Amino acid sequence: MIDSSEDRLLDVTEIRILRPKYNQKDKYSGKKHYHTMKIQIIKGKNTGFIYEIQIGPGKEHDFHLFKRTFEGSPDNITYTADLGYIGINKITNGNTPYKKSKKHPLTEKEEEYNKELAKERIYIEHTNSWIKRFKILSTKFRNNLKYFASFAVLVCALFNLDIA
């Protein structure tokens, strides 16, 4: 059963697409160096169900995709995310790992916190890999982009059916 007050895990995965004829800059991912679409997955921490997905162009940063699509949530829900979502605490309750730099290495306490957070986050990474078992999302998406969201929703529904 889906619990609406359950804490959430949050992550984005990128799917390669064919080079668009128009508006190539919108879909080009500077990180991956090819044209992509992003699928943001919001998953329940305890039940494992995918609550919602959002689709965005490859150029859009993970946190910008979250801000653009976030419609608010109850105060008792906490989102656990990776370093791509630094600043999520300004919008809602969120946990992100500490970021280290050359001038400011992490303390032992911060490293321990990051390890505990990684133990929680591994389940959303497993979900991303499960979704990419399907060839339509693991190789270049060669269909019309207007169907991309439909295929992503379909694969996520199959995931929910698999764990139910």
Protein backbone atom coordinates (compact mmCIF):
# COMPACT_ATOMS: atom_id res chain seq x y z
CA MET A 1 0.00 0.00 0.00
CA ILE A 2 1.29 3.45 -0.85
CA ASP A 3 1.90 5.66 2.19
CA SER A 4 1.61 9.37 1.40
CA SER A 5 3.59 10.38 4.50
CA GLU A 6 6.56 8.15 3.69
CA ASP A 7 10.03 9.67 3.28
CA ARG A 8 11.29 9.85 -0.30
CA LEU A 9 14.46 9.05 -2.24
CA LEU A 10 15.28 11.30 -5.18
CA ASP A 11 17.60 10.84 -8.15
CA VAL A 12 17.96 11.53 -11.86
CA THR A 13 19.10 9.24 -14.64
CA GLU A 14 20.00 10.31 -18.17
CA ILE A 15 18.88 8.50 -21.30
CA ARG A 16 20.61 9.00 -24.65
CA ILE A 17 18.50 10.25 -27.54
CA LEU A 18 19.11 10.85 -31.22
CA ARG A 19 20.43 14.29 -32.11
CA PRO A 20 17.35 16.51 -32.51
CA LYS A 21 16.88 18.36 -35.77
CA TYR A 22 15.94 21.59 -33.97
CA ASN A 23 16.81 23.00 -30.53
CA GLN A 24 19.87 20.81 -30.10
CA LYS A 25 21.24 22.96 -27.28
CA ASP A 26 18.29 22.12 -25.03
CA LYS A 27 18.96 18.41 -25.16
CA TYR A 28 22.79 18.44 -25.12
CA SER A 29 24.27 17.28 -21.82
CA GLY A 30 27.65 18.85 -21.15
CA LYS A 31 28.27 16.23 -18.48
CA LYS A 32 27.71 13.22 -20.73
CA HIS A 33 28.76 14.92 -23.99
CA TYR A 34 25.78 13.73 -25.99
CA HIS A 35 22.10 14.52 -26.38
CA THR A 36 20.00 13.22 -23.50
CA MET A 37 16.70 13.40 -21.69
CA LYS A 38 16.52 13.18 -17.90
CA ILE A 39 14.15 11.10 -15.82
CA GLN A 40 13.80 12.25 -12.22
CA ILE A 41 12.50 9.48 -9.98
CA ILE A 42 10.89 10.04 -6.59
CA LYS A 43 10.63 6.76 -4.71
CA GLY A 44 9.33 5.76 -1.28
CA LYS A 45 12.06 4.95 1.21
CA ASN A 46 10.24 2.09 2.98
CA THR A 47 7.83 0.68 0.40
CA GLY A 48 10.09 1.14 -2.61
CA PHE A 49 7.25 2.32 -4.86
CA ILE A 50 7.98 5.00 -7.45
CA TYR A 51 5.63 7.84 -6.51
CA GLU A 52 6.30 10.12 -9.43
CA ILE A 53 8.65 10.77 -12.31
CA GLN A 54 9.50 14.00 -14.07
CA ILE A 55 11.01 14.38 -17.52
CA GLY A 56 13.43 17.12 -18.50
CA PRO A 57 16.01 17.95 -21.16
CA GLY A 58 19.59 16.80 -20.70
CA LYS A 59 20.85 20.36 -20.35
CA GLU A 60 18.77 21.05 -17.25
CA HIS A 61 20.50 20.60 -13.89
CA ASP A 62 19.03 18.02 -11.51
CA PHE A 63 18.07 20.58 -8.87
CA HIS A 64 16.51 22.93 -11.44
CA LEU A 65 14.36 20.05 -12.66
CA PHE A 66 13.26 19.43 -9.07
CA LYS A 67 12.48 23.12 -8.44
CA ARG A 68 10.53 23.40 -11.69
CA THR A 69 8.36 20.38 -10.97
CA PHE A 70 8.05 20.49 -7.17
CA GLU A 71 4.51 21.30 -6.06
CA GLY A 72 5.00 21.15 -2.32
CA SER A 73 4.75 18.33 0.18
CA PRO A 74 3.73 17.84 3.81
CA ASP A 75 6.26 18.94 6.42
CA ASN A 76 6.77 15.41 7.71
CA ILE A 77 8.23 14.13 4.40
CA THR A 78 12.02 14.17 4.00
CA TYR A 79 13.75 13.88 0.63
CA THR A 80 17.12 12.10 0.49
CA ALA A 81 19.18 13.07 -2.55
CA ASP A 82 22.73 13.24 -3.90
CA LEU A 83 25.07 16.22 -4.31
CA GLY A 84 23.15 17.35 -7.40
CA TYR A 85 20.43 18.58 -5.05
CA ILE A 86 22.43 20.82 -2.71
CA GLY A 87 20.05 23.54 -1.58
CA ILE A 88 16.98 21.31 -1.35
CA ASN A 89 16.64 22.36 2.31
CA LYS A 90 15.59 25.84 1.17
CA ILE A 91 12.51 24.36 -0.53
CA THR A 92 11.57 21.34 1.60
CA ASN A 93 12.98 18.92 4.17
CA GLY A 94 15.97 17.29 2.55
CA ASN A 95 19.13 15.34 3.25
CA THR A 96 22.15 15.73 1.00
CA PRO A 97 25.72 14.58 1.66
CA TYR A 98 28.42 16.96 2.76
CA LYS A 99 30.68 18.16 -0.03
CA LYS A 100 34.42 18.17 0.47
CA SER A 101 36.89 20.56 -1.10
CA LYS A 102 40.66 20.90 -1.12
CA LYS A 103 40.59 23.65 1.50
CA HIS A 104 37.90 22.03 3.66
CA PRO A 105 38.24 18.24 3.96
CA LEU A 106 35.43 16.37 5.65
CA THR A 107 35.54 15.62 9.36
CA GLU A 108 35.06 12.05 10.59
CA LYS A 109 31.52 12.89 11.67
CA GLU A 110 30.66 14.25 8.21
CA GLU A 111 32.19 11.20 6.52
CA GLU A 112 30.13 8.92 8.76
CA TYR A 113 26.98 10.90 7.90
CA ASN A 114 27.76 10.56 4.17
CA LYS A 115 28.19 6.79 4.55
CA GLU A 116 24.85 6.44 6.33
CA LEU A 117 23.17 8.54 3.64
CA ALA A 118 24.77 6.40 0.92
CA LYS A 119 23.32 3.29 2.57
CA GLU A 120 19.85 4.82 2.17
CA ARG A 121 20.45 6.17 -1.34
CA ILE A 122 21.66 2.90 -2.83
CA TYR A 123 18.04 1.79 -3.30
CA ILE A 124 17.28 4.64 -5.73
CA GLU A 125 20.47 3.78 -7.65
CA HIS A 126 19.27 0.17 -7.88
CA THR A 127 15.97 1.49 -9.23
CA ASN A 128 17.82 3.43 -11.94
CA SER A 129 19.69 0.29 -12.95
CA TRP A 130 16.45 -1.76 -12.94
CA ILE A 131 14.83 0.77 -15.28
CA LYS A 132 17.77 0.52 -17.65
CA ARG A 133 17.25 -3.22 -18.04
CA PHE A 134 14.79 -2.29 -20.74
CA LYS A 135 16.54 -1.71 -24.03
CA ILE A 136 14.34 1.26 -24.91
CA LEU A 137 15.86 3.21 -21.98
CA SER A 138 19.35 1.71 -21.90
CA THR A 139 20.31 2.44 -25.51
CA LYS A 140 19.64 5.47 -27.66
CA PHE A 141 15.96 6.36 -27.65
CA ARG A 142 15.13 6.25 -31.38
CA ASN A 143 11.42 6.93 -31.19
CA ASN A 144 9.70 10.31 -31.43
CA LEU A 145 10.47 12.37 -28.31
CA LYS A 146 6.79 13.08 -27.71
CA TYR A 147 6.51 9.40 -26.66
CA PHE A 148 9.52 9.49 -24.32
CA ALA A 149 7.48 10.31 -21.22
CA SER A 150 4.97 7.56 -22.02
CA PHE A 151 7.69 4.92 -22.25
CA ALA A 152 9.33 6.17 -19.04
CA VAL A 153 6.01 6.00 -17.17
CA LEU A 154 5.36 2.53 -18.57
CA VAL A 155 8.72 1.18 -17.41
CA CYS A 156 8.26 2.75 -13.95
CA ALA A 157 4.79 1.17 -13.73
CA LEU A 158 6.38 -2.19 -14.52
CA PHE A 159 8.86 -1.57 -11.70
CA ASN A 160 6.00 -0.89 -9.26
CA LEU A 161 4.23 -4.01 -10.47
CA ASP A 162 7.41 -6.05 -9.97
CA ILE A 163 7.86 -5.02 -6.33
CA ALA A 164 4.15 -5.14 -5.41
